[in-house]
C-alpha atoms as a PDB file:
ATOM      1  CA  MET A   1    -135.858   2.304  35.641  1.00  0.00           C
ATOM      2  CA  PRO A   2    -136.946   1.763  40.280  1.00  0.00           C
ATOM      3  CA  PRO A   3    -138.251  -1.698  40.485  1.00  0.00           C
ATOM      4  CA  LYS A   4    -142.034  -1.678  40.446  1.00  0.00           C
ATOM      5  CA  PRO A   5    -143.504  -2.573  43.239  1.00  0.00           C
ATOM      6  CA  ALA A   6    -144.683  -6.062  43.482  1.00  0.00           C
ATOM      7  CA  HIS A   7    -148.635  -6.676  43.769  1.00  0.00           C
ATOM      8  CA  CYS A   8    -150.905  -9.818  43.136  1.00  0.00           C
ATOM      9  CA  ASN A   9    -155.642  -9.230  42.832  1.00  0.00           C
ATOM     10  CA  HIS A  10    -157.719 -10.945  44.368  1.00  0.00           C
ATOM     11  CA  VAL A  11    -160.692 -12.358  43.201  1.00  0.00           C
ATOM     12  CA  ILE A  12    -163.737 -12.342  45.678  1.00  0.00           C
ATOM     13  CA  ILE A  13    -165.614 -14.832  45.425  1.00  0.00           C
ATOM     14  CA  SER A  14    -169.200 -14.178  46.672  1.00  0.00           C
ATOM     15  CA  ASP A  15    -171.685 -15.749  48.842  1.00  0.00           C
ATOM     16  CA  GLU A  16    -174.208 -16.248  45.941  1.00  0.00           C
ATOM     17  CA  GLU A  17    -171.213 -18.628  44.643  1.00  0.00           C
ATOM     18  CA  LEU A  18    -169.908 -20.454  47.735  1.00  0.00           C
ATOM     19  CA  LYS A  19    -174.111 -20.861  48.196  1.00  0.00           C
ATOM     20  CA  SER A  20    -174.688 -22.202  43.891  1.00  0.00           C
ATOM     21  CA  GLY A  21    -171.147 -23.555  43.935  1.00  0.00           C
ATOM     22  CA  VAL A  22    -170.783 -21.694  40.409  1.00  0.00           C
ATOM     23  CA  THR A  23    -168.265 -19.787  40.297  1.00  0.00           C
ATOM     24  CA  THR A  24    -169.001 -17.061  37.608  1.00  0.00           C
ATOM     25  CA  LEU A  25    -166.997 -16.527  34.194  1.00  0.00           C
ATOM     26  CA  GLU A  26    -165.418 -13.346  35.996  1.00  0.00           C
ATOM     27  CA  HIS A  27    -164.545 -14.699  38.047  1.00  0.00           C
ATOM     28  CA  VAL A  28    -162.555 -17.797  36.172  1.00  0.00           C
ATOM     29  CA  GLN A  29    -161.240 -15.277  33.576  1.00  0.00           C
ATOM     30  CA  ALA A  30    -160.371 -12.737  36.326  1.00  0.00           C
ATOM     31  CA  GLY A  31    -158.684 -15.765  37.849  1.00  0.00           C
ATOM     32  CA  VAL A  32    -156.688 -17.171  33.883  1.00  0.00           C
ATOM     33  CA  GLU A  33    -155.413 -13.320  33.489  1.00  0.00           C
ATOM     34  CA  GLU A  34    -153.517 -13.537  37.134  1.00  0.00           C
ATOM     35  CA  PHE A  35    -152.643 -16.460  37.448  1.00  0.00           C
ATOM     36  CA  HIS A  36    -150.943 -16.394  33.992  1.00  0.00           C
ATOM     37  CA  LYS A  37    -149.685 -12.310  34.718  1.00  0.00           C
ATOM     38  CA  ASN A  38    -148.480 -13.764  37.534  1.00  0.00           C
ATOM     39  CA  GLY A  39    -147.511 -17.645  38.606  1.00  0.00           C
ATOM     40  CA  ILE A  40    -149.991 -16.926  40.982  1.00  0.00           C
ATOM     41  CA  MET A  41    -153.666 -16.046  41.475  1.00  0.00           C
ATOM     42  CA  ASN A  42    -155.660 -15.688  45.420  1.00  0.00           C
ATOM     43  CA  THR A  43    -159.109 -16.482  45.540  1.00  0.00           C
ATOM     44  CA  ASP A  44    -160.809 -14.740  48.515  1.00  0.00           C
ATOM     45  CA  GLY A  45    -164.133 -16.362  50.046  1.00  0.00           C
ATOM     46  CA  ALA A  46    -163.794 -19.583  48.974  1.00  0.00           C
ATOM     47  CA  LYS A  47    -164.434 -21.705  51.532  1.00  0.00           C
ATOM     48  CA  LYS A  48    -165.314 -20.546  54.819  1.00  0.00           C
ATOM     49  CA  LEU A  49    -163.992 -21.415  58.084  1.00  0.00           C
ATOM     50  CA  GLU A  50    -164.515 -22.285  61.329  1.00  0.00           C
ATOM     51  CA  ASP A  51    -161.539 -21.709  63.475  1.00  0.00           C
ATOM     52  CA  PRO A  52    -160.178 -25.440  62.590  1.00  0.00           C
ATOM     53  CA  ASN A  53    -158.883 -27.117  66.018  1.00  0.00           C
ATOM     54  CA  LEU A  54    -156.580 -29.821  64.023  1.00  0.00           C
ATOM     55  CA  VAL A  55    -154.026 -32.102  66.706  1.00  0.00           C
ATOM     56  CA  PHE A  56    -150.690 -32.975  64.768  1.00  0.00           C
ATOM     57  CA  ASN A  57    -148.485 -34.456  66.485  1.00  0.00           C
ATOM     58  CA  HIS A  58    -144.462 -35.132  65.488  1.00  0.00           C
ATOM     59  CA  GLY A  59    -141.615 -34.914  66.196  1.00  0.00           C
ATOM     60  CA  ASN A  60    -139.626 -33.166  64.339  1.00  0.00           C
ATOM     61  CA  GLU A  61    -137.570 -30.600  65.171  1.00  0.00           C
ATOM     62  CA  LYS A  62    -137.901 -28.339  61.486  1.00  0.00           C
ATOM     63  CA  ASN A  63    -139.436 -24.545  61.517  1.00  0.00           C
ATOM     64  CA  ASN A  64    -141.276 -25.224  58.544  1.00  0.00           C
ATOM     65  CA  PHE A  65    -142.119 -28.492  57.673  1.00  0.00           C
ATOM     66  CA  SER A  66    -145.114 -30.837  55.996  1.00  0.00           C
ATOM     67  CA  ILE A  67    -147.853 -34.114  56.891  1.00  0.00           C
ATOM     68  CA  TYR A  68    -149.955 -35.241  54.808  1.00  0.00           C
ATOM     69  CA  PRO A  69    -153.211 -33.962  55.983  1.00  0.00           C
ATOM     70  CA  PRO A  70    -155.890 -36.215  57.515  1.00  0.00           C
ATOM     71  CA  LEU A  71    -157.807 -39.544  55.989  1.00  0.00           C
ATOM     72  CA  SER A  72    -161.038 -40.842  57.868  1.00  0.00           C
ATOM     73  CA  LYS A  73    -163.799 -40.279  56.471  1.00  0.00           C
ATOM     74  CA  GLU A  74    -164.815 -36.750  58.124  1.00  0.00           C
ATOM     75  CA  TRP A  75    -161.887 -34.937  56.285  1.00  0.00           C
ATOM     76  CA  LEU A  76    -162.148 -35.923  53.608  1.00  0.00           C
ATOM     77  CA  ILE A  77    -164.078 -32.583  53.110  1.00  0.00           C
ATOM     78  CA  GLU A  78    -164.568 -31.521  48.958  1.00  0.00           C
ATOM     79  CA  ASP A  79    -165.149 -27.947  49.679  1.00  0.00           C
ATOM     80  CA  ILE A  80    -161.652 -27.904  51.095  1.00  0.00           C
ATOM     81  CA  TRP A  81    -159.826 -31.147  48.672  1.00  0.00           C
ATOM     82  CA  ALA A  82    -161.968 -29.991  45.358  1.00  0.00           C
ATOM     83  CA  ASN A  83    -162.624 -27.428  45.937  1.00  0.00           C
ATOM     84  CA  LYS A  84    -165.653 -25.800  42.741  1.00  0.00           C
ATOM     85  CA  HIS A  85    -163.613 -22.528  42.407  1.00  0.00           C
ATOM     86  CA  ALA A  86    -160.017 -23.914  42.252  1.00  0.00           C
ATOM     87  CA  ALA A  87    -161.689 -25.599  40.049  1.00  0.00           C
ATOM     88  CA  ALA A  88    -163.108 -23.473  37.476  1.00  0.00           C
ATOM     89  CA  VAL A  89    -160.153 -21.877  37.147  1.00  0.00           C
ATOM     90  CA  MET A  90    -158.116 -25.148  37.042  1.00  0.00           C
ATOM     91  CA  GLU A  91    -159.911 -26.712  34.128  1.00  0.00           C
ATOM     92  CA  ALA A  92    -159.888 -22.905  32.345  1.00  0.00           C
ATOM     93  CA  ILE A  93    -155.243 -23.197  32.218  1.00  0.00           C
ATOM     94  CA  ILE A  94    -155.092 -27.415  31.907  1.00  0.00           C
ATOM     95  CA  GLY A  95    -157.896 -28.629  31.171  1.00  0.00           C
ATOM     96  CA  LEU A  96    -159.775 -31.249  34.179  1.00  0.00           C
ATOM     97  CA  PRO A  97    -157.076 -31.362  36.680  1.00  0.00           C
ATOM     98  CA  GLN A  98    -155.849 -34.879  38.064  1.00  0.00           C
ATOM     99  CA  LEU A  99    -155.411 -34.525  41.301  1.00  0.00           C
ATOM    100  CA  VAL A 100    -152.005 -36.786  43.164  1.00  0.00           C
ATOM    101  CA  TYR A 101    -150.186 -35.692  45.966  1.00  0.00           C
ATOM    102  CA  ALA A 102    -152.130 -33.632  48.544  1.00  0.00           C
ATOM    103  CA  GLY A 103    -150.018 -31.942  52.221  1.00  0.00           C
ATOM    104  CA  SER A 104    -150.259 -30.148  55.002  1.00  0.00           C
ATOM    105  CA  ASN A 105    -147.353 -27.866  55.191  1.00  0.00           C
ATOM    106  CA  ILE A 106    -147.020 -26.410  59.396  1.00  0.00           C
ATOM    107  CA  ASN A 107    -144.993 -23.356  59.639  1.00  0.00           C
ATOM    108  CA  LEU A 108    -143.458 -24.000  63.795  1.00  0.00           C
ATOM    109  CA  PRO A 109    -142.892 -20.442  65.884  1.00  0.00           C
ATOM    110  CA  THR A 110    -139.546 -18.715  65.510  1.00  0.00           C
ATOM    111  CA  GLN A 111    -137.932 -15.978  66.871  1.00  0.00           C
ATOM    112  CA  ASP A 112    -135.173 -16.001  64.299  1.00  0.00           C
ATOM    113  CA  PRO A 113    -135.508 -14.281  61.571  1.00  0.00           C
ATOM    114  CA  ALA A 114    -132.693 -16.225  59.265  1.00  0.00           C
ATOM    115  CA  ALA A 115    -135.037 -18.834  59.934  1.00  0.00           C
ATOM    116  CA  ARG A 116    -136.456 -18.809  55.855  1.00  0.00           C
ATOM    117  CA  GLN A 117    -135.790 -21.049  52.448  1.00  0.00           C
ATOM    118  CA  ALA A 118    -133.758 -20.468  49.304  1.00  0.00           C
ATOM    119  CA  VAL A 119    -135.728 -19.096  46.023  1.00  0.00           C
ATOM    120  CA  HIS A 120    -136.441 -21.556  44.584  1.00  0.00           C
ATOM    121  CA  VAL A 121    -138.907 -23.283  42.834  1.00  0.00           C
ATOM    122  CA  ASP A 122    -139.350 -27.515  43.556  1.00  0.00           C
ATOM    123  CA  SER A 123    -138.494 -29.265  41.251  1.00  0.00           C
ATOM    124  CA  TYR A 124    -134.550 -29.382  39.479  1.00  0.00           C
ATOM    125  CA  ALA A 125    -136.076 -30.648  36.527  1.00  0.00           C
ATOM    126  CA  ASP A 126    -136.362 -29.182  32.634  1.00  0.00           C
ATOM    127  CA  HIS A 127    -139.926 -27.096  32.415  1.00  0.00           C
ATOM    128  CA  HIS A 128    -142.112 -26.727  29.762  1.00  0.00           C
ATOM    129  CA  LYS A 129    -142.753 -23.028  28.090  1.00  0.00           C
ATOM    130  CA  PHE A 130    -146.579 -23.306  29.451  1.00  0.00           C
ATOM    131  CA  PRO A 131    -148.415 -24.877  33.253  1.00  0.00           C
ATOM    132  CA  THR A 132    -147.897 -28.298  33.847  1.00  0.00           C
ATOM    133  CA  CYS A 133    -148.335 -28.707  37.467  1.00  0.00           C
ATOM    134  CA  ILE A 134    -150.909 -26.116  39.695  1.00  0.00           C
ATOM    135  CA  GLU A 135    -151.359 -27.227  43.446  1.00  0.00           C
ATOM    136  CA  VAL A 136    -154.363 -25.488  45.267  1.00  0.00           C
ATOM    137  CA  PHE A 137    -153.653 -24.004  48.891  1.00  0.00           C
ATOM    138  CA  MET A 138    -155.902 -23.304  51.839  1.00  0.00           C
ATOM    139  CA  TYR A 139    -155.212 -21.502  54.450  1.00  0.00           C
ATOM    140  CA  LEU A 140    -156.267 -22.484  57.657  1.00  0.00           C
ATOM    141  CA  HIS A 141    -155.171 -19.189  59.765  1.00  0.00           C
ATOM    142  CA  ASP A 142    -154.787 -15.552  58.217  1.00  0.00           C
ATOM    143  CA  VAL A 143    -151.572 -15.305  57.136  1.00  0.00           C
ATOM    144  CA  SER A 144    -149.741 -12.255  56.770  1.00  0.00           C
ATOM    145  CA  PRO A 145    -145.484 -12.088  56.679  1.00  0.00           C
ATOM    146  CA  ALA A 146    -145.639 -11.556  60.793  1.00  0.00           C
ATOM    147  CA  ASN A 147    -146.677 -15.314  60.798  1.00  0.00           C
ATOM    148  CA  GLY A 148    -144.309 -16.300  57.577  1.00  0.00           C
ATOM    149  CA  SER A 149    -146.352 -15.830  54.538  1.00  0.00           C
ATOM    150  CA  MET A 150    -145.295 -17.907  52.084  1.00  0.00           C
ATOM    151  CA  GLU A 151    -142.433 -15.092  49.614  1.00  0.00           C
ATOM    152  CA  ILE A 152    -143.068 -15.147  46.286  1.00  0.00           C
ATOM    153  CA  TRP A 153    -142.043 -13.353  43.310  1.00  0.00           C
ATOM    154  CA  PRO A 154    -145.018 -12.168  40.189  1.00  0.00           C
ATOM    155  CA  GLY A 155    -144.126 -13.779  36.794  1.00  0.00           C
ATOM    156  CA  SER A 156    -140.733 -14.793  37.379  1.00  0.00           C
ATOM    157  CA  HIS A 157    -142.282 -18.427  36.409  1.00  0.00           C
ATOM    158  CA  GLU A 158    -141.988 -17.153  32.709  1.00  0.00           C
ATOM    159  CA  GLY A 159    -138.204 -15.958  31.693  1.00  0.00           C
ATOM    160  CA  TRP A 160    -135.901 -18.232  33.022  1.00  0.00           C
ATOM    161  CA  ASN A 161    -134.110 -21.581  32.346  1.00  0.00           C
ATOM    162  CA  PHE A 162    -132.276 -25.011  33.847  1.00  0.00           C
ATOM    163  CA  LYS A 163    -128.812 -23.135  33.347  1.00  0.00           C
ATOM    164  CA  ASP A 164    -130.916 -19.719  35.964  1.00  0.00           C
ATOM    165  CA  LEU A 165    -130.667 -23.013  39.618  1.00  0.00           C
ATOM    166  CA  VAL A 166    -127.342 -23.999  41.746  1.00  0.00           C
ATOM    167  CA  ASN A 167    -126.914 -26.693  40.881  1.00  0.00           C
ATOM    168  CA  ASN A 168    -127.248 -28.626  44.685  1.00  0.00           C
ATOM    169  CA  GLY A 169    -130.317 -30.548  43.064  1.00  0.00           C
ATOM    170  CA  ARG A 170    -133.105 -28.818  45.607  1.00  0.00           C
ATOM    171  CA  GLY A 171    -134.351 -26.188  43.166  1.00  0.00           C
ATOM    172  CA  TRP A 172    -132.544 -23.531  44.129  1.00  0.00           C
ATOM    173  CA  VAL A 173    -132.476 -19.882  41.974  1.00  0.00           C
ATOM    174  CA  LYS A 174    -129.130 -18.551  42.084  1.00  0.00           C
ATOM    175  CA  THR A 175    -128.385 -15.654  43.316  1.00  0.00           C
ATOM    176  CA  SER A 176    -127.070 -13.089  40.054  1.00  0.00           C
ATOM    177  CA  THR A 177    -130.151 -14.647  38.134  1.00  0.00           C
ATOM    178  CA  PHE A 178    -132.467 -13.495  41.600  1.00  0.00           C
ATOM    179  CA  ILE A 179    -130.955 -10.655  42.122  1.00  0.00           C
ATOM    180  CA  ARG A 180    -131.148  -9.700  38.350  1.00  0.00           C
ATOM    181  CA  ARG A 181    -134.828  -9.581  38.638  1.00  0.00           C
ATOM    182  CA  ALA A 182    -135.473  -7.798  42.391  1.00  0.00           C
ATOM    183  CA  GLU A 183    -133.538  -4.615  40.856  1.00  0.00           C
ATOM    184  CA  ARG A 184    -137.178  -5.060  38.453  1.00  0.00           C
ATOM    185  CA  SER A 185    -139.929  -6.924  39.652  1.00  0.00           C
ATOM    186  CA  PRO A 186    -138.669  -7.951  43.687  1.00  0.00           C
ATOM    187  CA  PRO A 187    -140.544 -10.413  45.406  1.00  0.00           C
ATOM    188  CA  PHE A 188    -142.942  -9.487  48.566  1.00  0.00           C
ATOM    189  CA  GLN A 189    -144.508 -11.512  51.400  1.00  0.00           C
ATOM    190  CA  PRO A 190    -149.416 -11.232  50.744  1.00  0.00           C
ATOM    191  CA  THR A 191    -151.688 -10.642  52.907  1.00  0.00           C
ATOM    192  CA  ILE A 192    -154.613 -13.736  53.107  1.00  0.00           C
ATOM    193  CA  PRO A 193    -157.673 -14.464  55.227  1.00  0.00           C
ATOM    194  CA  LYS A 194    -158.547 -17.568  56.572  1.00  0.00           C
ATOM    195  CA  GLY A 195    -160.317 -19.589  54.191  1.00  0.00           C
ATOM    196  CA  SER A 196    -158.155 -18.451  50.978  1.00  0.00           C
ATOM    197  CA  ILE A 197    -157.152 -20.599  48.194  1.00  0.00           C
ATOM    198  CA  THR A 198    -154.212 -20.136  45.996  1.00  0.00           C
ATOM    199  CA  ILE A 199    -153.581 -20.902  42.801  1.00  0.00           C
ATOM    200  CA  ARG A 200    -150.277 -21.974  42.722  1.00  0.00           C
ATOM    201  CA  ASP A 201    -147.981 -22.332  39.293  1.00  0.00           C
ATOM    202  CA  LEU A 202    -145.214 -24.915  39.957  1.00  0.00           C
ATOM    203  CA  ARG A 203    -142.403 -23.130  37.819  1.00  0.00           C
ATOM    204  CA  LEU A 204    -143.284 -19.528  39.983  1.00  0.00           C
ATOM    205  CA  TRP A 205    -139.767 -18.601  42.757  1.00  0.00           C
ATOM    206  CA  HIS A 206    -141.161 -18.397  45.702  1.00  0.00           C
ATOM    207  CA  SER A 207    -138.956 -19.084  49.651  1.00  0.00           C
ATOM    208  CA  GLY A 208    -141.532 -20.666  53.149  1.00  0.00           C
ATOM    209  CA  MET A 209    -141.182 -17.557  55.576  1.00  0.00           C
ATOM    210  CA  PRO A 210    -140.048 -17.009  59.156  1.00  0.00           C
ATOM    211  CA  ASN A 211    -143.396 -17.701  61.114  1.00  0.00           C
ATOM    212  CA  LEU A 212    -142.350 -14.761  63.714  1.00  0.00           C
ATOM    213  CA  SER A 213    -145.524 -14.938  66.066  1.00  0.00           C
ATOM    214  CA  ASP A 214    -146.811 -16.969  68.688  1.00  0.00           C
ATOM    215  CA  GLN A 215    -148.684 -19.656  66.964  1.00  0.00           C
ATOM    216  CA  ASN A 216    -148.460 -22.221  64.283  1.00  0.00           C
ATOM    217  CA  CYS A 217    -149.274 -21.038  61.268  1.00  0.00           C
ATOM    218  CA  ILE A 218    -151.081 -24.547  58.772  1.00  0.00           C
ATOM    219  CA  THR A 219    -151.735 -25.169  54.776  1.00  0.00           C
ATOM    220  CA  ILE A 220    -153.385 -27.875  53.084  1.00  0.00           C
ATOM    221  CA  GLY A 221    -152.197 -28.126  49.525  1.00  0.00           C
ATOM    222  CA  PHE A 222    -153.549 -30.298  46.260  1.00  0.00           C
ATOM    223  CA  LEU A 223    -151.012 -30.860  43.198  1.00  0.00           C
ATOM    224  CA  HIS A 224    -152.582 -31.247  39.711  1.00  0.00           C
ATOM    225  CA  PHE A 225    -151.875 -32.267  36.460  1.00  0.00           C
ATOM    226  CA  PRO A 226    -153.522 -32.541  33.494  1.00  0.00           C
ATOM    227  CA  ARG A 227    -153.966 -36.247  32.077  1.00  0.00           C
ATOM    228  CA  TRP A 228    -152.001 -35.766  29.115  1.00  0.00           C
ATOM    229  CA  PHE A 229    -149.450 -34.815  30.917  1.00  0.00           C
ATOM    230  CA  ARG A 230    -148.802 -38.287  32.468  1.00  0.00           C
ATOM    231  CA  ASN A 231    -147.500 -37.997  35.314  1.00  0.00           C
ATOM    232  CA  HIS A 232    -146.403 -40.501  37.925  1.00  0.00           C
ATOM    233  CA  MET A 233    -147.190 -39.329  41.413  1.00  0.00           C
ATOM    234  CA  ARG A 234    -150.359 -41.682  42.562  1.00  0.00           C
ATOM    235  CA  ILE A 235    -152.290 -40.317  45.080  1.00  0.00           C
ATOM    236  CA  THR A 236    -152.997 -42.825  48.682  1.00  0.00           C
ATOM    237  CA  LEU A 237    -156.397 -42.577  50.012  1.00  0.00           C
ATOM    238  CA  PRO A 238    -158.228 -45.145  52.117  1.00  0.00           C
ATOM    239  CA  ALA A 239    -160.374 -47.948  50.252  1.00  0.00           C
ATOM    240  CA  VAL A 240    -163.561 -47.217  52.487  1.00  0.00           C
ATOM    241  CA  PRO A 241    -164.056 -43.492  51.808  1.00  0.00           C
ATOM    242  CA  ARG A 242    -163.864 -43.654  47.956  1.00  0.00           C
ATOM    243  CA  ARG A 243    -168.095 -43.097  47.450  1.00  0.00           C
ATOM    244  CA  ILE A 244    -166.873 -39.557  48.835  1.00  0.00           C
ATOM    245  CA  VAL A 245    -164.211 -39.328  45.974  1.00  0.00           C
ATOM    246  CA  GLU A 246    -166.140 -40.259  43.229  1.00  0.00           C
ATOM    247  CA  LYS A 247    -168.233 -36.930  43.746  1.00  0.00           C
ATOM    248  CA  TRP A 248    -166.202 -35.288  42.924  1.00  0.00           C
ATOM    249  CA  THR A 249    -166.656 -34.457  39.535  1.00  0.00           C
ATOM    250  CA  GLN A 250    -164.965 -31.310  39.594  1.00  0.00           C
ATOM    251  CA  ILE A 251    -161.930 -32.615  39.141  1.00  0.00           C
ATOM    252  CA  ASP A 252    -160.478 -35.681  38.242  1.00  0.00           C
ATOM    253  CA  ALA A 253    -159.576 -36.860  41.952  1.00  0.00           C
ATOM    254  CA  LEU A 254    -159.371 -41.155  40.894  1.00  0.00           C
ATOM    255  CA  GLY A 255    -157.069 -41.613  37.832  1.00  0.00           C
ATOM    256  CA  ALA A 256    -153.879 -41.340  39.796  1.00  0.00           C
ATOM    257  CA  ALA A 257    -155.708 -42.813  43.110  1.00  0.00           C
ATOM    258  CA  ASN A 258    -154.318 -45.679  45.104  1.00  0.00           C
ATOM    259  CA  PHE A 259    -157.383 -47.324  47.196  1.00  0.00           C
ATOM    260  CA  VAL A 260    -156.197 -49.321  50.282  1.00  0.00           C
ATOM    261  CA  ASP A 261    -157.684 -51.183  52.119  1.00  0.00           C
ATOM    262  CA  GLY A 262    -157.995 -50.444  55.708  1.00  0.00           C
ATOM    263  CA  LYS A 263    -156.595 -47.474  57.469  1.00  0.00           C
ATOM    264  CA  LEU A 264    -153.853 -44.909  56.918  1.00  0.00           C
ATOM    265  CA  ASN A 265    -151.525 -43.536  58.955  1.00  0.00           C
ATOM    266  CA  HIS A 266    -151.008 -39.892  57.807  1.00  0.00           C
ATOM    267  CA  LEU A 267    -147.796 -39.219  60.159  1.00  0.00           C
ATOM    268  CA  ASP A 268    -146.347 -41.780  57.741  1.00  0.00           C
ATOM    269  CA  ARG A 269    -143.354 -39.571  56.032  1.00  0.00           C
ATOM    270  CA  LYS A 270    -143.774 -41.944  52.415  1.00  0.00           C
ATOM    271  CA  LEU A 271    -147.237 -40.492  51.676  1.00  0.00           C
ATOM    272  CA  SER A 272    -145.639 -37.034  51.924  1.00  0.00           C
ATOM    273  CA  THR A 273    -142.835 -34.799  51.882  1.00  0.00           C
ATOM    274  CA  LEU A 274    -139.727 -36.060  49.985  1.00  0.00           C
ATOM    275  CA  VAL A 275    -140.748 -39.708  49.246  1.00  0.00           C
ATOM    276  CA  PRO A 276    -143.296 -39.602  45.947  1.00  0.00           C
ATOM    277  CA  LEU A 277    -142.767 -35.792  44.180  1.00  0.00           C
ATOM    278  CA  ASN A 278    -142.632 -36.155  40.917  1.00  0.00           C
ATOM    279  CA  PHE A 279    -143.261 -33.211  38.474  1.00  0.00           C
ATOM    280  CA  THR A 280    -141.316 -35.307  35.526  1.00  0.00           C
ATOM    281  CA  GLN A 281    -142.358 -38.077  32.919  1.00  0.00           C
ATOM    282  CA  ASP A 282    -139.516 -39.933  34.045  1.00  0.00           C
ATOM    283  CA  PRO A 283    -139.834 -42.401  36.572  1.00  0.00           C
ATOM    284  CA  GLU A 284    -136.676 -42.417  37.352  1.00  0.00           C
ATOM    285  CA  LYS A 285    -137.180 -39.046  38.000  1.00  0.00           C
ATOM    286  CA  SER A 286    -138.424 -37.793  40.717  1.00  0.00           C
ATOM    287  CA  ASN A 287    -137.115 -35.248  43.262  1.00  0.00           C
ATOM    288  CA  GLN A 288    -135.953 -37.869  46.124  1.00  0.00           C
ATOM    289  CA  GLN A 289    -134.268 -39.190  42.581  1.00  0.00           C
ATOM    290  CA  ILE A 290    -132.316 -36.139  41.856  1.00  0.00           C
ATOM    291  CA  ARG A 291    -131.061 -35.594  44.612  1.00  0.00           C
ATOM    292  CA  GLU A 292    -130.073 -38.245  45.461  1.00  0.00           C
ATOM    293  CA  LYS A 293    -127.500 -38.453  42.197  1.00  0.00           C
ATOM    294  CA  VAL A 294    -127.176 -34.754  41.674  1.00  0.00           C
ATOM    295  CA  ASP A 295    -125.445 -35.443  46.002  1.00  0.00           C
ATOM    296  CA  LEU A 296    -123.545 -38.308  44.704  1.00  0.00           C
ATOM    297  CA  ALA A 297    -121.863 -37.663  42.330  1.00  0.00           C
ATOM    298  CA  ARG A 298    -120.720 -34.344  44.446  1.00  0.00           C
ATOM    299  CA  GLY A 299    -119.267 -36.261  46.925  1.00  0.00           C
ATOM    300  CA  LYS A 300    -121.787 -35.532  49.102  1.00  0.00           C
ATOM    301  CA  GLU A 301    -124.018 -37.048  50.957  1.00  0.00           C
ATOM    302  CA  PRO A 302    -127.368 -38.249  49.850  1.00  0.00           C
ATOM    303  CA  ASN A 303    -130.761 -36.048  50.115  1.00  0.00           C
ATOM    304  CA  SER A 304    -128.696 -33.956  52.944  1.00  0.00           C
ATOM    305  CA  GLU A 305    -129.780 -30.771  53.248  1.00  0.00           C
ATOM    306  CA  PRO A 306    -127.454 -28.505  52.701  1.00  0.00           C
ATOM    307  CA  ARG A 307    -128.031 -25.739  54.398  1.00  0.00           C
ATOM    308  CA  VAL A 308    -129.473 -21.286  53.735  1.00  0.00           C
ATOM    309  CA  THR A 309    -127.031 -18.438  53.733  1.00  0.00           C
ATOM    310  CA  ALA A 310    -127.538 -14.852  53.218  1.00  0.00           C
ATOM    311  CA  LYS A 311    -126.691 -15.279  49.486  1.00  0.00           C
ATOM    312  CA  ASP A 312    -129.522 -18.204  49.012  1.00  0.00           C
ATOM    313  CA  TYR A 313    -131.714 -15.785  49.487  1.00  0.00           C
ATOM    314  CA  TRP A 314    -133.072 -11.596  48.554  1.00  0.00           C
ATOM    315  CA  THR A 315    -133.007  -8.827  51.290  1.00  0.00           C
ATOM    316  CA  PRO A 316    -133.579  -4.869  50.774  1.00  0.00           C
ATOM    317  CA  GLY A 317    -131.747  -2.713  50.252  1.00  0.00           C
ATOM    318  CA  THR A 318    -128.868  -5.001  50.057  1.00  0.00           C
ATOM    319  CA  HIS A 319    -128.078  -6.990  47.609  1.00  0.00           C
ATOM    320  CA  LYS A 320    -127.223  -5.316  43.858  1.00  0.00           C
ATOM    321  CA  LEU A 321    -126.192  -7.386  40.521  1.00  0.00           C
ATOM    322  CA  SER A 322    -123.003  -5.475  40.704  1.00  0.00           C
ATOM    323  CA  ASP A 323    -121.439  -6.112  44.007  1.00  0.00           C
ATOM    324  CA  ARG A 324    -123.382  -9.828  45.063  1.00  0.00           C
ATOM    325  CA  VAL A 325    -122.292 -11.679  41.448  1.00  0.00           C
ATOM    326  CA  THR A 326    -119.883 -13.406  43.154  1.00  0.00           C
ATOM    327  CA  LYS A 327    -117.093 -16.151  42.961  1.00  0.00           C
ATOM    328  CA  ASP A 328    -119.087 -19.144  41.803  1.00  0.00           C
ATOM    329  CA  ASP A 329    -121.088 -16.862  40.255  1.00  0.00           C
ATOM    330  CA  ALA A 330    -118.759 -15.396  37.788  1.00  0.00           C
ATOM    331  CA  THR A 331    -116.683 -19.304  36.996  1.00  0.00           C
ATOM    332  CA  GLU A 332    -120.391 -20.799  36.897  1.00  0.00           C
ATOM    333  CA  GLY A 333    -119.905 -20.821  32.440  1.00  0.00           C
ATOM    334  CA  ASN A 334    -116.299 -22.412  33.014  1.00  0.00           C
ATOM    335  CA  ARG A 335    -118.251 -25.729  35.688  1.00  0.00           C
ATOM    336  CA  LYS A 336    -119.997 -28.737  33.874  1.00  0.00           C
ATOM    337  CA  THR A 337    -123.853 -28.147  34.682  1.00  0.00           C
ATOM    338  CA  ILE A 338    -125.153 -30.750  36.643  1.00  0.00           C
ATOM    339  CA  ARG A 339    -127.559 -31.831  35.399  1.00  0.00           C
ATOM    340  CA  GLU A 340    -130.574 -34.050  37.145  1.00  0.00           C
ATOM    341  CA  GLY A 341    -127.636 -36.391  39.029  1.00  0.00           C
ATOM    342  CA  GLU A 342    -125.356 -36.966  35.706  1.00  0.00           C
ATOM    343  CA  GLY A 343    -121.801 -36.369  36.040  1.00  0.00           C
ATOM    344  CA  LYS A 344    -119.090 -33.772  38.292  1.00  0.00           C
ATOM    345  CA  GLU A 345    -117.892 -30.109  38.886  1.00  0.00           C
END
């Protein structure tokens, strides 16, 4: 049976909806249906953007990395941080969404077509059978395969469990697992216009892809949980613009916020990347803590980055389940799984 073509429908926000800030019930329904079907949905035109003029200073030579978005008053824009159309869809899925994290992803140009991430989910932990964390991200550029749009696996938010993850603490999906899925439902890289918003179930398989253009590609992302989940992540915001944030009633922007006096340096790595991420209900199981435990149990340097090889992602036309089940995959059942840092191989 040939694989079905990967496809995700886009919800087109009208000029009237943009002007009023109210999403029609038809579009809310379309967004909810798409989210539950594919684990991801795109809203084109959710924010009208002028050409952004952002300057990001860094010393990181990776091709794909994250930093906190600017936090001064002029950058706390409601249509970006608390977009009403995205919030309307999220509320229909998880109730009033609670903002817990903000970050920006910068995909630098590269000439290396193999400079990509492994197929992965964002947490090496057991997941519920329903969405508990939703990421909203906005595109500051037109994105396509040419400049590294994210590879997504539609529908992969369902039908897998912890045993389908490589036991390296990173949330990588096992080779045999993603090849089996690719044979009936392969991944794809979408083409999405600037100003669009994507809403993603955190259980969805995905990969950061190489930006083969000559320009940086930037997205801004926000993580939300339902308030009942009692997640331990906290978002740090400056106290001065608190009155701005208090007006964002379409989301809960206060319940998980720590407001601090003085200026915040959005380039501080403690605010972004791995440090604060925790997709569980256990304060001792952040992504960083899980990785450290797994690495130490395996005799490796804590939080070192494993090298991505060709067996860690799917390549069209070259991977077949019959010839890609490696020796490690075949003997996986004879090994003791390292669950969240406990035990050794």
